[in-house]
Structure formats: C-alpha cells, structure tokens
Amino acid sequence: MSERRGPEGATPGFLVWRLSTKWRVSVDRAVAPLGLTHAQYSLVASLYGMQRAGERPSQRRLADHTGLEPLYVSKLARALESAGLLERTRDPRDPRAVQLALTEQGQDVTQRAVKVVQGLLEQLLEPLGGLRSPRTRALTGELSLLLDVPLDPTDGRTRE
C-alpha cells in the first residue's frame, strides 16, 4: 500500500482540520443508530471511563476532560438526561456544581457505542500498524504534546 501524504503543499493545520472533520463525520454516522451524535458520544464515553475509575464528575470537570465548553456540556447533558441516558444531580459539597452519572440505559448505549467507535479507530490506525503499534504510540505522543501547547491569537507571532 502506498503512503498518501495529503494534498500537495498542505499545512499541518489543514491536515489536522481535515482529519478531525473526517473523524467527526465518521463517528456521527457510526453512533447515529444508537441515538447519539459525535459530541454526545464524546461526553458519555468520557463519563463512562470516569465512572469506571470511581469518579462522579461535575459538568465542569467533564468539560475540562473533553475540551468542550462548559455551556455546551450543560446543553449536551440536558439532552442526554431527557433521553434517559444520564442523571444530573447537585453536588452535596457544592450546591452550584452539577454532578453527572450514566443511567443503566446510558451505560448500555455507551458500551455499544464504544465498540463501534473502537472499530472505526482500528480502521483509521491500520496504515500505522494498528492501535498498539510503535507508530501509533509515537503519533499519540506527538498529538498529546500539541494539545498541551497554549494558543493565544494575540501573542504577535502571526504572519500576514
């Protein structure tokens, strides 16, 4: 199989955008039969992992974990609550905070969605040797490094 490098002259930013768009659309299509969108999947899958680790996160904590805006997490949580997939309760230690937990139905839907998305991820990473390959581990490290870089559009380094 030949390696494709993307459009001639494409910048890393353009390729990241294209890949993220491709991934979002693919996940949207894959989880739609389960009644989820990609954003809802990101929320319930993260919540599922956090619950398995013994955490009952606040909406704010889940927003920080997913990288989604807190207001958007609140909107998604309300929709998922209406669908019977999660519960929102006041934190007894902080009445301003709302804690989230998956319902039994939410856990079932999330487990099925995770399997579907895991299959997509295996397809995506196949050209790199699969999920556990050295190339995938290296890519994951590089992406993590980039995610940790603070971006400030006003720092004066932009070129005209």
Protein backbone atom coordinates (compact mmCIF):
# COMPACT_ATOMS: atom_id res chain seq x y z
CA MET A 1 0.00 0.00 0.00
CA SER A 2 1.41 3.40 -0.92
CA GLU A 3 1.60 6.13 1.67
CA ARG A 4 -0.54 9.13 0.88
CA ARG A 5 0.76 12.43 2.15
CA GLY A 6 -2.33 14.56 1.62
CA PRO A 7 -2.85 17.44 -0.78
CA GLU A 8 0.33 18.91 -2.24
CA GLY A 9 1.58 21.75 -0.06
CA ALA A 10 -0.94 21.08 2.72
CA THR A 11 -0.02 22.58 6.07
CA PRO A 12 -0.14 20.55 9.29
CA GLY A 13 -3.05 22.74 10.44
CA PHE A 14 -5.03 21.93 7.30
CA LEU A 15 -4.33 18.19 7.70
CA VAL A 16 -5.35 18.23 11.38
CA TRP A 17 -8.56 20.01 10.41
CA ARG A 18 -9.28 17.52 7.61
CA LEU A 19 -8.57 14.53 9.85
CA SER A 20 -10.70 15.89 12.70
CA THR A 21 -13.56 16.57 10.27
CA LYS A 22 -13.25 13.08 8.76
CA TRP A 23 -13.27 11.55 12.24
CA ARG A 24 -16.24 13.60 13.47
CA VAL A 25 -18.35 12.74 10.42
CA SER A 26 -17.45 9.03 10.67
CA VAL A 27 -18.28 8.86 14.38
CA ASP A 28 -21.52 10.81 13.84
CA ARG A 29 -22.62 8.25 11.24
CA ALA A 30 -21.49 5.28 13.33
CA VAL A 31 -23.27 6.28 16.56
CA ALA A 32 -26.42 7.74 14.97
CA PRO A 33 -28.23 4.36 15.06
CA LEU A 34 -27.69 4.41 18.84
CA GLY A 35 -29.33 7.84 19.08
CA LEU A 36 -26.08 9.74 19.68
CA THR A 37 -24.10 12.46 17.96
CA HIS A 38 -20.31 12.61 18.00
CA ALA A 39 -20.37 15.30 20.71
CA GLN A 40 -22.79 13.26 22.83
CA TYR A 41 -20.62 10.19 22.32
CA SER A 42 -17.55 12.12 23.49
CA LEU A 43 -19.43 13.08 26.63
CA VAL A 44 -20.89 9.67 27.51
CA ALA A 45 -17.70 7.76 26.65
CA SER A 46 -15.64 10.10 28.84
CA LEU A 47 -18.21 9.87 31.62
CA TYR A 48 -18.23 6.07 31.29
CA GLY A 49 -14.46 5.92 31.72
CA MET A 50 -14.52 8.31 34.65
CA GLN A 51 -17.30 6.35 36.37
CA ARG A 52 -15.36 3.10 35.90
CA ALA A 53 -12.46 4.83 37.68
CA GLY A 54 -14.79 5.59 40.61
CA GLU A 55 -15.39 9.24 39.78
CA ARG A 56 -18.71 11.08 39.66
CA PRO A 57 -17.56 14.20 37.83
CA SER A 58 -19.13 17.60 37.76
CA GLN A 59 -20.15 19.14 34.46
CA ARG A 60 -17.12 21.44 34.78
CA ARG A 61 -14.73 18.51 35.33
CA LEU A 62 -16.20 16.71 32.31
CA ALA A 63 -15.85 19.88 30.22
CA ASP A 64 -12.18 20.14 31.19
CA HIS A 65 -11.64 16.45 30.39
CA THR A 66 -13.31 16.56 26.96
CA GLY A 67 -12.14 20.01 25.90
CA LEU A 68 -15.74 21.07 25.30
CA GLU A 69 -17.06 24.40 26.53
CA PRO A 70 -18.88 24.12 29.91
CA LEU A 71 -22.04 25.68 28.44
CA TYR A 72 -22.03 23.09 25.64
CA VAL A 73 -21.52 20.25 28.13
CA SER A 74 -24.52 21.54 30.07
CA LYS A 75 -26.64 21.58 26.90
CA LEU A 76 -25.50 18.06 25.93
CA ALA A 77 -26.11 16.78 29.46
CA ARG A 78 -29.66 18.12 29.45
CA ALA A 79 -30.39 16.39 26.13
CA LEU A 80 -28.85 13.13 27.35
CA GLU A 81 -30.84 13.40 30.59
CA SER A 82 -34.05 13.87 28.57
CA ALA A 83 -33.15 10.75 26.58
CA GLY A 84 -32.75 8.80 29.85
CA LEU A 85 -29.02 8.22 29.39
CA LEU A 86 -27.66 10.24 32.31
CA GLU A 87 -28.62 11.79 35.60
CA ARG A 88 -27.74 15.30 36.71
CA THR A 89 -27.69 15.93 40.45
CA ARG A 90 -26.48 18.73 42.71
CA ASP A 91 -23.12 18.12 44.34
CA PRO A 92 -23.74 17.89 48.11
CA ARG A 93 -20.37 19.59 48.74
CA ASP A 94 -21.02 22.47 46.30
CA PRO A 95 -24.66 23.38 45.55
CA ARG A 96 -23.57 25.34 42.44
CA ALA A 97 -21.98 22.25 40.87
CA VAL A 98 -23.91 19.59 38.95
CA GLN A 99 -22.65 16.01 39.06
CA LEU A 100 -23.24 13.62 36.18
CA ALA A 101 -23.72 9.87 36.10
CA LEU A 102 -24.82 7.47 33.40
CA THR A 103 -28.07 5.62 33.95
CA GLU A 104 -28.24 1.87 33.37
CA GLN A 105 -29.59 2.57 29.88
CA GLY A 106 -26.81 5.12 29.35
CA GLN A 107 -24.17 2.56 30.30
CA ASP A 108 -25.63 0.05 27.85
CA VAL A 109 -25.78 2.53 24.96
CA THR A 110 -22.28 3.80 25.76
CA GLN A 111 -20.77 0.30 25.83
CA ARG A 112 -22.26 -0.42 22.41
CA ALA A 113 -21.11 2.93 21.04
CA VAL A 114 -17.57 2.40 22.36
CA LYS A 115 -17.35 -0.92 20.49
CA VAL A 116 -18.50 0.74 17.25
CA VAL A 117 -16.06 3.65 17.60
CA GLN A 118 -13.25 1.27 18.57
CA GLY A 119 -13.80 -0.49 15.24
CA LEU A 120 -13.54 2.85 13.42
CA LEU A 121 -10.34 3.65 15.30
CA GLU A 122 -8.82 0.32 14.28
CA GLN A 123 -9.66 1.13 10.63
CA LEU A 124 -8.17 4.60 10.91
CA LEU A 125 -4.93 3.39 12.50
CA GLU A 126 -4.43 0.35 10.27
CA PRO A 127 -1.98 2.20 7.96
CA LEU A 128 0.17 2.92 11.04
CA GLY A 129 0.19 -0.72 12.10
CA GLY A 130 -2.87 -0.68 14.34
CA LEU A 131 -3.80 0.68 17.73
CA ARG A 132 -0.81 -0.75 19.61
CA SER A 133 1.90 -0.17 17.02
CA PRO A 134 5.01 1.92 17.73
CA ARG A 135 3.91 4.41 15.03
CA THR A 136 0.54 4.87 16.70
CA ARG A 137 2.19 5.33 20.11
CA ALA A 138 4.51 7.93 18.58
CA LEU A 139 1.58 9.72 16.91
CA THR A 140 -0.34 9.72 20.20
CA GLY A 141 2.64 11.27 21.96
CA GLU A 142 3.01 13.97 19.31
CA LEU A 143 -0.71 14.79 19.37
CA SER A 144 -0.64 14.99 23.19
CA LEU A 145 2.32 17.34 23.01
CA LEU A 146 0.45 19.62 20.60
CA LEU A 147 -2.70 19.57 22.73
CA ASP A 148 -0.66 20.85 25.68
CA VAL A 149 0.55 23.93 23.77
CA PRO A 150 -1.38 27.03 24.86
CA LEU A 151 -2.60 29.00 21.86
CA ASP A 152 -3.01 32.76 22.06
CA PRO A 153 -4.03 34.51 18.82
CA THR A 154 -2.89 37.86 20.28
CA ASP A 155 0.72 36.92 21.06
CA GLY A 156 2.07 38.71 17.98
CA ARG A 157 3.65 35.73 16.22
CA THR A 158 1.09 35.60 13.41
CA ARG A 159 2.28 36.42 9.91
CA GLU A 160 0.35 38.49 7.44
